[in-house]
């Protein structure tokens, strides 16, 4: 009798029960229903993970110098055994009676999703990438869902999951289980050690010169990243907040001021410096900004991270990129220091939140506002264009404490900007200057020029938004001394070398994920107040390298906030302030 027919007539066979006496036995049926030893389950799943679910890794290995030679094949085989043994060692730790199948299934699903994103966008997986994923909101997550993802995940995960579901596992006594798990773990480690000894020179050289490979070992990359995130509270007390700038005081410019300062910090999202027309891009993506002569565009500006989750806390920190990455404590941010100084501070968000930097003063998330009537044309499908942040902004500022507003106000506008992969959603119909656009979130399905077109249209939208901010500030001139500083949190890959989106580890990320636009505007009254001339900045910052390390100290310097946390050496405005002082002294 065919096996499928036997299972339909005798469903108890699937559970491993013996057939009834009247039913003829079958070698095929016995082989399928015989309980599988846990060690074989670990081996089968480990091989599947190391081979089928690691296509991105082996694709990179195939492109290494020397591949195709006998030595190259030897290295690849040893590397494959190392990856397989690594997966087996992990599963060996989880191969207990009630955990082995759930653990194996979880690793398969993790590997399937990891393989999809690495194949589709060329990303690598580390703690920063997973943190970004965990902090993604519903709309951002929805942009990533598509038929290709479903097909890929099903192709990679369904076969082993179906096999796991149908195969009973042999139950061992506790002592035998401990012994078998110990032998499995020891055997896996032994395989890793032997393989490393055989190809150690090639392996060490490859890992040193091709760092990306270590972030492609699937799903061990995700497991390591999750462990790194989970153990962070053990390495850093996230509950204890270390004060910064509690000594902050307002400087001499506030004495007898006729009008308080009003600074708008536009926190850009996914901005590529090279795609801004004002920075020399061949396409006129910023016609409104380029028409102005009173702007300062720093063309050599660099981020401190390649994702929002990494860059935003870093740029609002006093520590700088190196100090922030190595920090073992939870510090207050630039927003806190401005508040300590007695200024009014408002954070308006059209993104996935402020990543903790505004927690002590609160934030306004435009797409979730229930107390204002938002123009539906600005929020199609529940996602708002950035210009919505200017709606009722006067009312929101007026709601801040009057005493603080009389001293000065800092407003942060956190953009949706050019967030991918749904770039086509980031621009209004009247700003779709370049076409045709890629309208798929599976960017690899589109011609690269269509991806660039959609991205460039999002920059046109940002150009309109920044011009709108400047016009809004001009309307405030009668009651405030105004300024705007725009800088993006990170850049983006648009298909160069088959890389898309952002979030690669900083050490291996391409420059397009780190080179960001940085634009400053000071009203004439703000120039007088701060002794910082726009023409000086235009000359000084045209090509000078600045980074997010400068952000914290430059904002404090611009707002004349005195504190021990301020480092004048990192204030990008300090040079022109000194030039103005020298001219005044000379007479």
Protein backbone atom coordinates (compact mmCIF):
# COMPACT_ATOMS: atom_id res chain seq x y z
CA UNK A 1 0.00 0.00 0.00
CA UNK A 2 1.44 3.45 -0.85
CA UNK A 3 2.75 5.33 2.21
CA UNK A 4 0.46 8.35 1.71
CA UNK A 5 -2.60 6.07 1.51
CA UNK A 6 -1.48 4.23 4.65
CA UNK A 7 -1.22 7.57 6.52
CA UNK A 8 -4.68 8.61 5.36
CA UNK A 9 -6.16 5.24 6.46
CA UNK A 10 -4.05 4.93 9.63
CA UNK A 11 -3.26 8.46 10.94
CA UNK A 12 -1.83 6.97 14.14
CA UNK A 13 1.25 5.98 12.11
CA UNK A 14 2.34 9.66 11.98
CA UNK A 15 2.64 9.73 15.73
CA UNK A 16 4.94 6.73 15.75
CA UNK A 17 2.35 4.26 17.11
CA UNK A 18 2.62 0.65 15.92
CA UNK A 19 0.19 -0.35 13.17
CA UNK A 20 -2.79 -2.49 14.07
CA UNK A 21 -2.31 -6.23 13.87
CA UNK A 22 -4.48 -6.47 10.79
CA UNK A 23 -2.46 -3.90 8.85
CA UNK A 24 0.52 -5.20 6.90
CA UNK A 25 3.79 -3.61 7.94
CA UNK A 26 5.93 -1.64 5.52
CA UNK A 27 9.62 -0.82 5.62
CA UNK A 28 8.87 2.68 4.32
CA UNK A 29 6.24 3.27 6.97
CA UNK A 30 8.53 1.97 9.70
CA UNK A 31 11.39 4.17 8.54
CA UNK A 32 9.22 7.27 8.57
CA UNK A 33 7.50 6.61 11.88
CA UNK A 34 10.59 5.41 13.74
CA UNK A 35 11.58 8.07 16.32
CA UNK A 36 14.62 10.05 15.24
CA UNK A 37 17.62 10.33 17.53
CA UNK A 38 18.05 13.98 18.67
CA UNK A 39 21.62 14.04 17.35
CA UNK A 40 20.43 13.31 13.81
CA UNK A 41 17.85 16.07 14.04
CA UNK A 42 20.61 18.49 15.06
CA UNK A 43 22.80 17.34 12.17
CA UNK A 44 20.06 17.61 9.55
CA UNK A 45 18.92 21.07 10.67
CA UNK A 46 22.51 22.31 10.99
CA UNK A 47 23.32 21.21 7.44
CA UNK A 48 20.16 22.90 6.11
CA UNK A 49 21.02 26.14 7.92
CA UNK A 50 24.64 26.07 6.76
CA UNK A 51 23.82 25.41 3.11
CA UNK A 52 20.38 26.45 1.88
CA UNK A 53 19.96 29.33 4.34
CA UNK A 54 23.47 30.66 3.77
CA UNK A 55 23.35 31.41 0.06
CA UNK A 56 24.35 35.08 0.68
CA UNK A 57 27.44 33.91 2.58
CA UNK A 58 28.55 31.40 -0.05
CA UNK A 59 27.91 33.92 -2.79
CA UNK A 60 30.38 36.27 -1.08
CA UNK A 61 32.86 33.44 -0.49
CA UNK A 62 32.71 32.54 -4.20
CA UNK A 63 33.85 36.06 -5.06
CA UNK A 64 36.94 35.92 -2.83
CA UNK A 65 40.34 36.03 -4.56
CA UNK A 66 41.65 32.55 -5.30
CA UNK A 67 38.28 30.83 -5.36
CA UNK A 68 38.12 28.13 -8.01
CA UNK A 69 41.59 26.84 -7.17
CA UNK A 70 42.18 23.69 -5.12
CA UNK A 71 43.20 25.80 -2.14
CA UNK A 72 40.10 27.94 -2.55
CA UNK A 73 37.84 24.90 -2.60
CA UNK A 74 39.57 23.56 0.49
CA UNK A 75 38.96 26.82 2.33
CA UNK A 76 35.30 26.91 1.27
CA UNK A 77 34.71 23.32 2.43
CA UNK A 78 36.42 23.95 5.76
CA UNK A 79 34.42 27.15 6.21
CA UNK A 80 31.19 25.25 5.45
CA UNK A 81 32.07 22.64 8.08
CA UNK A 82 32.81 25.41 10.60
CA UNK A 83 29.43 27.02 9.98
CA UNK A 84 27.65 23.66 10.19
CA UNK A 85 29.45 22.76 13.42
CA UNK A 86 28.67 26.21 14.84
CA UNK A 87 24.97 25.67 14.24
CA UNK A 88 25.22 22.16 15.69
CA UNK A 89 26.96 23.46 18.80
CA UNK A 90 24.19 26.01 19.33
CA UNK A 91 21.48 23.41 18.83
CA UNK A 92 23.41 21.01 21.08
CA UNK A 93 22.88 23.45 23.92
CA UNK A 94 19.13 23.43 23.23
CA UNK A 95 18.62 19.75 22.38
CA UNK A 96 16.43 18.84 25.33
CA UNK A 97 13.17 16.95 25.31
CA UNK A 98 10.79 19.92 25.24
CA UNK A 99 13.03 22.48 23.56
CA UNK A 100 14.76 20.79 20.63
CA UNK A 101 11.95 21.12 18.08
CA UNK A 102 10.90 24.70 19.05
CA UNK A 103 14.55 25.79 19.08
CA UNK A 104 15.24 24.22 15.68
CA UNK A 105 12.07 25.76 14.23
CA UNK A 106 12.95 29.20 15.61
CA UNK A 107 16.45 29.07 14.13
CA UNK A 108 15.06 28.00 10.76
CA UNK A 109 12.59 30.90 10.69
CA UNK A 110 15.27 33.38 11.80
CA UNK A 111 17.61 32.08 9.13
CA UNK A 112 14.92 32.31 6.43
CA UNK A 113 14.16 35.95 7.21
CA UNK A 114 17.85 36.78 7.57
CA UNK A 115 18.66 35.17 4.23
CA UNK A 116 15.86 37.11 2.52
CA UNK A 117 17.06 40.52 3.72
CA UNK A 118 20.68 39.72 2.94
CA UNK A 119 19.74 38.50 -0.54
CA UNK A 120 17.25 41.26 -1.30
CA UNK A 121 19.11 44.31 0.03
CA UNK A 122 22.70 43.19 0.51
CA UNK A 123 22.54 44.05 4.22
CA UNK A 124 24.55 42.40 6.98
CA UNK A 125 23.16 41.56 10.41
CA UNK A 126 24.66 42.88 13.64
CA UNK A 127 23.33 44.32 16.91
CA UNK A 128 22.77 47.75 15.39
CA UNK A 129 20.75 46.30 12.51
CA UNK A 130 18.56 44.22 14.84
CA UNK A 131 18.05 47.21 17.15
CA UNK A 132 16.83 49.16 14.15
CA UNK A 133 14.48 46.30 13.25
CA UNK A 134 13.12 46.03 16.78
CA UNK A 135 12.42 49.77 16.86
CA UNK A 136 10.70 49.83 13.45
CA UNK A 137 7.10 51.03 13.60
CA UNK A 138 4.12 49.42 11.89
CA UNK A 139 4.28 51.59 8.75
CA UNK A 140 7.99 50.96 8.22
CA UNK A 141 7.51 47.23 8.73
CA UNK A 142 4.63 47.25 6.25
CA UNK A 143 6.87 48.78 3.59
CA UNK A 144 9.15 45.74 3.83
CA UNK A 145 6.40 43.15 3.33
CA UNK A 146 6.01 41.82 -0.21
CA UNK A 147 5.37 38.66 -2.18
CA UNK A 148 9.05 37.99 -2.76
CA UNK A 149 9.66 37.96 0.99
CA UNK A 150 6.83 35.47 1.51
CA UNK A 151 8.04 33.21 -1.30
CA UNK A 152 11.65 33.27 -0.10
CA UNK A 153 10.81 32.61 3.54
CA UNK A 154 8.45 29.77 2.61
CA UNK A 155 11.04 28.20 0.29
CA UNK A 156 13.72 28.28 2.97
CA UNK A 157 11.64 27.49 6.05
CA UNK A 158 8.69 25.34 4.96
CA UNK A 159 10.57 22.10 4.03
CA UNK A 160 12.50 21.73 7.32
CA UNK A 161 9.49 22.87 9.38
CA UNK A 162 7.27 20.28 7.67
CA UNK A 163 9.94 17.63 8.25
CA UNK A 164 10.22 18.62 11.94
CA UNK A 165 6.46 18.50 12.35
CA UNK A 166 6.16 14.98 10.96
CA UNK A 167 9.17 13.31 12.57
CA UNK A 168 8.87 12.07 16.16
CA UNK A 169 12.04 12.45 18.23
CA UNK A 170 13.44 9.70 20.40
CA UNK A 171 13.10 10.42 24.09
CA UNK A 172 16.27 9.83 26.09
CA UNK A 173 16.63 9.47 29.81
CA UNK A 174 17.95 12.61 31.56
CA UNK A 175 21.43 11.15 32.03
CA UNK A 176 21.66 9.92 28.44
CA UNK A 177 20.39 13.29 27.22
CA UNK A 178 23.11 15.14 29.14
CA UNK A 179 25.75 12.75 27.85
CA UNK A 180 24.59 12.99 24.25
CA UNK A 181 24.36 16.78 24.37
CA UNK A 182 27.83 16.97 25.88
CA UNK A 183 29.24 14.72 23.17
CA UNK A 184 27.44 16.71 20.48
CA UNK A 185 28.81 19.99 21.78
CA UNK A 186 32.33 18.56 22.20
CA UNK A 187 32.23 17.03 18.72
CA UNK A 188 31.07 20.31 17.16
CA UNK A 189 33.84 22.24 18.88
CA UNK A 190 36.37 19.63 17.80
CA UNK A 191 35.27 19.95 14.15
CA UNK A 192 35.59 23.74 14.37
CA UNK A 193 39.08 23.53 15.90
CA UNK A 194 40.35 20.98 13.37
CA UNK A 195 38.99 22.95 10.41
CA UNK A 196 40.47 26.18 11.74
CA UNK A 197 43.87 24.54 12.15
CA UNK A 198 43.74 23.25 8.59
CA UNK A 199 42.96 26.63 7.02
CA UNK A 200 43.96 29.02 9.78
CA UNK A 201 46.15 31.29 7.66
CA UNK A 202 43.53 31.70 4.95
CA UNK A 203 40.71 32.00 7.47
CA UNK A 204 42.44 34.68 9.55
CA UNK A 205 43.37 36.67 6.45
CA UNK A 206 39.84 36.43 5.03
CA UNK A 207 38.14 37.50 8.25
CA UNK A 208 40.56 40.42 8.59
CA UNK A 209 40.28 41.66 5.01
CA UNK A 210 36.64 40.75 4.32
CA UNK A 211 34.96 41.72 7.57
CA UNK A 212 31.48 41.55 6.08
CA UNK A 213 31.61 37.74 5.99
CA UNK A 214 31.29 37.44 9.75
CA UNK A 215 27.97 39.32 9.60
CA UNK A 216 26.60 36.92 6.96
CA UNK A 217 26.93 33.65 8.91
CA UNK A 218 23.25 32.83 9.23
CA UNK A 219 21.55 32.46 11.73
CA UNK A 220 24.51 32.71 14.12
CA UNK A 221 24.79 36.42 13.21
CA UNK A 222 21.24 37.06 14.45
CA UNK A 223 21.72 34.94 17.58
CA UNK A 224 24.92 36.81 18.45
CA UNK A 225 23.27 40.17 17.79
CA UNK A 226 20.26 39.29 19.96
CA UNK A 227 22.56 38.12 22.75
CA UNK A 228 24.48 41.40 22.48
CA UNK A 229 21.25 43.37 22.82
CA UNK A 230 19.90 41.18 25.63
CA UNK A 231 23.08 41.47 27.69
CA UNK A 232 23.44 45.22 27.21
CA UNK A 233 21.74 45.94 30.58
CA UNK A 234 24.46 43.81 32.20
CA UNK A 235 27.14 45.94 30.56
CA UNK A 236 25.37 49.27 30.94
CA UNK A 237 22.92 50.34 33.63
CA UNK A 238 20.07 51.48 31.40
CA UNK A 239 17.88 52.37 34.40
CA UNK A 240 20.31 54.84 35.92
CA UNK A 241 20.51 58.12 34.01
CA UNK A 242 23.86 59.92 34.25
CA UNK A 243 23.32 63.70 34.30
CA UNK A 244 24.99 65.86 31.67
CA UNK A 245 25.11 69.65 31.65
CA UNK A 246 23.27 70.20 34.91
CA UNK A 247 25.49 73.30 35.27
CA UNK A 248 24.11 74.74 32.02
CA UNK A 249 23.50 78.49 32.01
CA UNK A 250 22.57 81.00 29.33
CA UNK A 251 25.37 83.23 28.10
CA UNK A 252 25.74 86.97 27.86
CA UNK A 253 23.70 87.23 24.63
CA UNK A 254 20.51 86.71 26.67
CA UNK A 255 21.07 89.76 28.86
CA UNK A 256 18.55 92.41 27.87
CA UNK A 257 17.63 90.64 24.64
CA UNK A 258 14.93 92.34 22.59
CA UNK A 259 13.85 89.09 20.93
CA UNK A 260 14.54 85.50 22.06
CA UNK A 261 16.32 83.04 19.77
CA UNK A 262 14.29 80.42 17.90
CA UNK A 263 16.30 77.53 16.50
CA UNK A 264 14.77 74.77 14.36
CA UNK A 265 16.80 71.58 14.18
CA UNK A 266 15.62 69.51 11.23
CA UNK A 267 16.69 65.94 11.80
CA UNK A 268 16.81 64.43 8.33
CA UNK A 269 16.26 60.77 7.51
CA UNK A 270 18.29 58.74 5.04
CA UNK A 271 19.92 61.68 3.29
CA UNK A 272 22.67 61.11 0.73
CA UNK A 273 24.86 64.19 0.44
CA UNK A 274 25.74 63.29 -3.12
CA UNK A 275 22.09 63.38 -4.24
CA UNK A 276 21.49 66.96 -3.12
CA UNK A 277 21.69 69.39 -6.03
CA UNK A 278 22.99 72.10 -3.69
CA UNK A 279 26.05 69.88 -3.13
CA UNK A 280 26.87 69.56 -6.83
CA UNK A 281 24.65 66.65 -7.88
CA UNK A 282 24.06 66.60 -11.63
CA UNK A 283 20.30 66.54 -11.10
CA UNK A 284 18.54 69.63 -9.77
CA UNK A 285 16.96 67.93 -6.76
CA UNK A 286 17.09 71.05 -4.57
CA UNK A 287 15.99 73.95 -6.81
CA UNK A 288 14.47 75.99 -3.97
CA UNK A 289 17.51 75.74 -1.71
CA UNK A 290 19.94 76.29 -4.55
CA UNK A 291 18.18 79.55 -5.47
CA UNK A 292 19.06 81.01 -2.08
CA UNK A 293 22.33 82.76 -1.34
CA UNK A 294 22.01 82.76 2.44
CA UNK A 295 22.51 79.02 3.06
CA UNK A 296 25.60 77.14 4.22
CA UNK A 297 25.95 73.60 2.90
CA UNK A 298 28.73 71.52 4.42
CA UNK A 299 29.64 69.11 1.64
CA UNK A 300 32.07 67.05 3.72
CA UNK A 301 29.78 65.96 6.57
CA UNK A 302 29.71 62.44 8.00
CA UNK A 303 27.37 60.52 10.28
CA UNK A 304 28.23 58.60 13.44
CA UNK A 305 26.09 55.61 12.47
CA UNK A 306 24.40 53.95 9.53
CA UNK A 307 20.93 53.63 11.07
CA UNK A 308 18.51 55.86 12.94
CA UNK A 309 18.80 53.74 16.09
CA UNK A 310 22.57 54.26 16.12
CA UNK A 311 22.94 57.80 14.76
CA UNK A 312 20.26 59.76 16.59
CA UNK A 313 21.35 58.93 20.15
CA UNK A 314 24.97 59.34 19.08
CA UNK A 315 24.62 62.76 17.48
CA UNK A 316 22.67 64.10 20.47
CA UNK A 317 25.34 62.76 22.82
CA UNK A 318 28.35 64.66 24.14
CA UNK A 319 30.56 61.58 23.73
CA UNK A 320 31.09 61.49 19.97
CA UNK A 321 31.01 58.31 17.89
CA UNK A 322 33.94 56.52 19.50
CA UNK A 323 32.89 57.40 23.03
CA UNK A 324 29.25 56.57 22.37
CA UNK A 325 30.06 53.12 20.98
CA UNK A 326 32.25 52.35 24.00
CA UNK A 327 30.03 53.90 26.66
CA UNK A 328 29.08 51.82 29.68
CA UNK A 329 26.47 54.18 31.09
CA UNK A 330 23.25 55.91 30.08
CA UNK A 331 23.78 59.67 29.71
CA UNK A 332 21.42 62.59 29.27
CA UNK A 333 21.30 64.14 25.80
CA UNK A 334 21.61 67.52 24.11
CA UNK A 335 17.85 67.96 24.57
CA UNK A 336 18.27 67.60 28.33
CA UNK A 337 21.11 70.14 28.44
CA UNK A 338 19.07 72.72 26.53
CA UNK A 339 16.24 72.14 28.99
CA UNK A 340 18.63 72.45 31.96
CA UNK A 341 19.67 75.85 30.61
CA UNK A 342 16.08 77.04 30.87
CA UNK A 343 15.15 77.00 27.19
CA UNK A 344 11.81 75.80 25.81
CA UNK A 345 12.28 72.57 23.85
CA UNK A 346 9.82 70.82 21.52
CA UNK A 347 10.32 67.57 19.59
CA UNK A 348 7.95 66.94 16.67
CA UNK A 349 8.30 63.49 15.12
CA UNK A 350 7.20 62.17 11.75
CA UNK A 351 9.33 59.06 12.12
CA UNK A 352 9.67 56.15 14.52
CA UNK A 353 10.43 58.21 17.62
CA UNK A 354 13.36 60.03 19.16
CA UNK A 355 15.24 56.87 20.25
CA UNK A 356 15.27 58.00 23.87
CA UNK A 357 16.92 61.39 23.47
CA UNK A 358 13.72 63.39 24.15
CA UNK A 359 12.17 61.10 26.77
CA UNK A 360 12.41 63.68 29.53
CA UNK A 361 10.62 66.45 27.61
CA UNK A 362 8.15 64.42 25.56
CA UNK A 363 7.51 64.40 21.83
CA UNK A 364 4.76 64.96 19.31
CA UNK A 365 4.21 62.22 16.73
CA UNK A 366 2.31 63.74 13.84
CA UNK A 367 0.75 60.58 12.44
CA UNK A 368 -0.77 59.82 15.85
CA UNK A 369 -2.11 63.24 16.70
CA UNK A 370 -5.74 63.13 17.76
CA UNK A 371 -6.06 66.71 18.96
CA UNK A 372 -5.46 68.45 15.63
CA UNK A 373 -7.23 68.19 12.29
CA UNK A 374 -4.60 66.86 9.90
CA UNK A 375 -5.14 67.44 6.21
CA UNK A 376 -5.77 63.94 4.75
CA UNK A 377 -3.90 64.93 1.59
CA UNK A 378 -0.75 65.18 3.73
CA UNK A 379 -1.22 61.74 5.28
CA UNK A 380 -2.25 59.27 2.56
CA UNK A 381 -2.56 55.76 3.95
CA UNK A 382 -1.77 56.94 7.47
CA UNK A 383 1.79 58.03 6.61
CA UNK A 384 2.36 61.77 6.65
CA UNK A 385 4.54 63.88 4.40
CA UNK A 386 7.02 65.91 6.41
CA UNK A 387 5.31 69.23 5.72
CA UNK A 388 2.57 68.13 8.15
CA UNK A 389 4.95 68.93 11.00
CA UNK A 390 4.51 72.63 10.26
CA UNK A 391 0.74 72.36 10.70
CA UNK A 392 -0.24 73.94 14.04
CA UNK A 393 3.44 74.31 14.97
CA UNK A 394 2.73 77.80 16.34
CA UNK A 395 0.08 76.33 18.63
CA UNK A 396 2.42 73.63 19.87
CA UNK A 397 5.13 76.17 20.64
CA UNK A 398 2.63 78.45 22.38
CA UNK A 399 1.75 75.55 24.68
CA UNK A 400 5.31 75.46 26.04
CA UNK A 401 6.00 77.25 29.35
CA UNK A 402 5.95 81.01 28.74
CA UNK A 403 8.93 81.70 31.00
CA UNK A 404 11.10 79.33 28.97
CA UNK A 405 9.85 80.70 25.63
CA UNK A 406 10.82 84.20 26.71
CA UNK A 407 14.41 82.98 27.03
CA UNK A 408 14.49 81.03 23.78
CA UNK A 409 13.09 78.01 21.97
CA UNK A 410 14.58 74.99 20.22
CA UNK A 411 12.30 72.91 17.98
CA UNK A 412 13.36 69.54 16.57
CA UNK A 413 11.52 68.33 13.45
CA UNK A 414 12.31 64.65 12.84
CA UNK A 415 11.64 63.83 9.19
CA UNK A 416 10.42 60.75 7.42
CA UNK A 417 12.68 62.15 4.72
CA UNK A 418 13.86 59.55 2.23
CA UNK A 419 13.21 56.46 4.32
CA UNK A 420 13.20 53.31 2.18
CA UNK A 421 12.48 51.01 0.63
CA UNK A 422 9.19 52.75 -0.29
CA UNK A 423 10.90 55.90 -1.58
CA UNK A 424 7.96 56.60 -3.90
CA UNK A 425 5.77 57.25 -0.85
CA UNK A 426 8.05 60.05 0.39
CA UNK A 427 7.08 62.64 -2.22
CA UNK A 428 3.82 64.29 -3.20
CA UNK A 429 2.55 63.90 -6.79
CA UNK A 430 3.58 67.47 -7.65
CA UNK A 431 7.18 66.74 -6.59
CA UNK A 432 7.73 63.63 -8.70
CA UNK A 433 10.21 65.36 -10.96
CA UNK A 434 12.06 62.24 -12.11
CA UNK A 435 10.49 59.16 -13.63
CA UNK A 436 9.65 56.43 -13.96
CA UNK A 437 9.80 55.59 -10.26
CA UNK A 438 10.30 52.22 -8.63
CA UNK A 439 6.98 51.56 -6.89
CA UNK A 440 7.97 48.21 -5.42
CA UNK A 441 9.51 47.62 -2.01
CA UNK A 442 11.48 44.76 -3.61
CA UNK A 443 14.03 47.20 -4.99
CA UNK A 444 15.94 44.51 -6.84
CA UNK A 445 12.88 43.99 -9.06
CA UNK A 446 13.26 47.52 -10.46
CA UNK A 447 15.87 48.93 -12.76
CA UNK A 448 18.40 50.79 -10.67
CA UNK A 449 17.58 54.11 -12.36
CA UNK A 450 13.95 53.73 -11.27
CA UNK A 451 15.15 53.31 -7.67
CA UNK A 452 17.30 56.43 -8.00
CA UNK A 453 14.39 58.34 -9.52
CA UNK A 454 12.13 57.53 -6.59
CA UNK A 455 14.86 58.46 -4.12
CA UNK A 456 15.66 61.73 -5.90
CA UNK A 457 11.98 62.69 -5.82
CA UNK A 458 12.07 62.27 -2.04
CA UNK A 459 14.96 64.76 -2.00
CA UNK A 460 12.82 67.17 -4.05
CA UNK A 461 10.18 66.80 -1.31
CA UNK A 462 12.81 67.54 1.35
CA UNK A 463 13.86 70.61 -0.63
CA UNK A 464 10.26 71.85 -0.51
CA UNK A 465 9.97 71.03 3.19
CA UNK A 466 13.17 72.86 4.16
CA UNK A 467 12.13 75.87 2.08
CA UNK A 468 8.78 75.80 3.91
CA UNK A 469 10.59 75.75 7.25
CA UNK A 470 12.64 78.77 6.19
CA UNK A 471 9.51 80.64 5.14
CA UNK A 472 7.88 79.78 8.45
CA UNK A 473 10.96 81.09 10.29
CA UNK A 474 10.88 84.29 8.23
CA UNK A 475 7.33 84.84 9.47
CA UNK A 476 8.63 84.61 13.05
CA UNK A 477 11.26 87.29 12.50
CA UNK A 478 9.26 90.07 14.15
CA UNK A 479 9.22 88.21 17.47
CA UNK A 480 12.34 85.99 17.40
CA UNK A 481 15.90 85.74 16.15
CA UNK A 482 15.75 82.66 13.98
CA UNK A 483 18.01 79.92 12.62
CA UNK A 484 17.78 76.44 11.10
CA UNK A 485 20.23 73.54 11.09
CA UNK A 486 19.41 70.52 8.92
CA UNK A 487 21.45 67.33 9.00
CA UNK A 488 20.56 63.75 8.08
CA UNK A 489 21.08 60.88 10.49
CA UNK A 490 22.68 58.57 7.90
CA UNK A 491 22.90 57.92 4.19
CA UNK A 492 21.66 55.14 1.91
CA UNK A 493 22.75 52.56 -0.64
CA UNK A 494 20.75 52.61 -3.88
CA UNK A 495 22.01 49.46 -5.55
CA UNK A 496 25.74 50.18 -5.75
CA UNK A 497 27.47 46.78 -5.61
CA UNK A 498 24.01 45.22 -5.11
CA UNK A 499 23.61 46.98 -1.77
CA UNK A 500 20.34 48.64 -0.79
CA UNK A 501 19.05 50.59 2.22
CA UNK A 502 21.42 51.17 5.14
CA UNK A 503 22.53 49.73 8.47
CA UNK A 504 25.75 47.96 7.53
CA UNK A 505 28.31 47.89 10.37
CA UNK A 506 30.09 51.23 10.32
CA UNK A 507 33.52 49.72 9.66
CA UNK A 508 32.40 48.08 6.41
CA UNK A 509 29.59 50.41 5.31
CA UNK A 510 30.16 52.26 2.02
CA UNK A 511 30.57 56.03 2.13
CA UNK A 512 27.09 56.62 0.69
CA UNK A 513 25.65 55.28 3.97
CA UNK A 514 27.78 57.72 6.01
CA UNK A 515 28.16 60.87 3.87
CA UNK A 516 25.23 63.13 4.81
CA UNK A 517 23.88 66.58 3.88
CA UNK A 518 24.27 69.34 6.49
CA UNK A 519 22.67 72.74 5.78
CA UNK A 520 22.64 75.80 8.05
CA UNK A 521 20.70 79.05 7.81
CA UNK A 522 21.06 82.05 10.13
CA UNK A 523 18.79 85.05 9.90
CA UNK A 524 20.52 88.45 9.85
CA UNK A 525 19.46 89.07 13.45
CA UNK A 526 20.83 85.66 14.50
CA UNK A 527 24.12 86.44 12.78
CA UNK A 528 24.33 89.67 14.74
CA UNK A 529 23.44 87.92 17.99
CA UNK A 530 25.94 85.07 17.58
CA UNK A 531 28.71 87.01 15.77
CA UNK A 532 28.68 84.27 13.11
CA UNK A 533 28.54 85.53 9.53
CA UNK A 534 27.02 83.39 6.80
CA UNK A 535 29.70 84.32 4.27
CA UNK A 536 32.39 83.16 6.70
CA UNK A 537 30.59 79.83 7.21
CA UNK A 538 30.15 79.38 3.47
CA UNK A 539 33.90 79.65 3.03
CA UNK A 540 34.89 77.72 6.15
CA UNK A 541 32.50 74.77 5.86
CA UNK A 542 32.48 74.31 2.10
CA UNK A 543 34.98 71.45 2.19
CA UNK A 544 36.03 71.15 5.87
CA UNK A 545 35.30 67.71 7.28
CA UNK A 546 32.73 67.74 10.04
CA UNK A 547 30.89 64.85 11.67
CA UNK A 548 28.00 64.22 14.01
CA UNK A 549 30.60 64.59 16.78
CA UNK A 550 30.31 68.35 16.14
CA UNK A 551 26.53 68.47 16.48
CA UNK A 552 26.10 68.55 20.28
CA UNK A 553 28.72 71.25 20.80
CA UNK A 554 27.76 73.33 17.76
CA UNK A 555 24.13 73.61 18.87
CA UNK A 556 25.19 74.63 22.37
CA UNK A 557 27.58 77.19 20.90
CA UNK A 558 24.93 78.57 18.56
CA UNK A 559 22.46 78.93 21.43
CA UNK A 560 25.14 80.40 23.74
CA UNK A 561 24.68 77.75 26.44
CA UNK A 562 27.55 77.61 28.89
CA UNK A 563 28.33 74.21 30.45
CA UNK A 564 31.27 72.00 31.27
CA UNK A 565 29.94 69.48 28.75
CA UNK A 566 30.62 71.94 25.90
CA UNK A 567 33.83 71.42 23.92
CA UNK A 568 34.71 74.53 21.85
CA UNK A 569 37.09 72.44 19.76
CA UNK A 570 34.08 70.56 18.36
CA UNK A 571 31.93 73.64 17.76
CA UNK A 572 31.87 74.01 13.98
CA UNK A 573 30.82 77.67 14.34
CA UNK A 574 33.73 78.58 16.63
CA UNK A 575 36.15 79.50 13.86
CA UNK A 576 33.88 82.12 12.31
CA UNK A 577 32.96 83.44 15.75
CA UNK A 578 36.67 83.97 16.43
CA UNK A 579 37.14 85.65 13.06
CA UNK A 580 34.35 88.08 13.90
CA UNK A 581 35.91 88.71 17.32
CA UNK A 582 39.30 89.41 15.78
CA UNK A 583 37.79 91.86 13.29
CA UNK A 584 35.95 93.65 16.07
CA UNK A 585 39.13 93.90 18.15
CA UNK A 586 41.06 95.23 15.16
CA UNK A 587 38.58 97.90 14.87
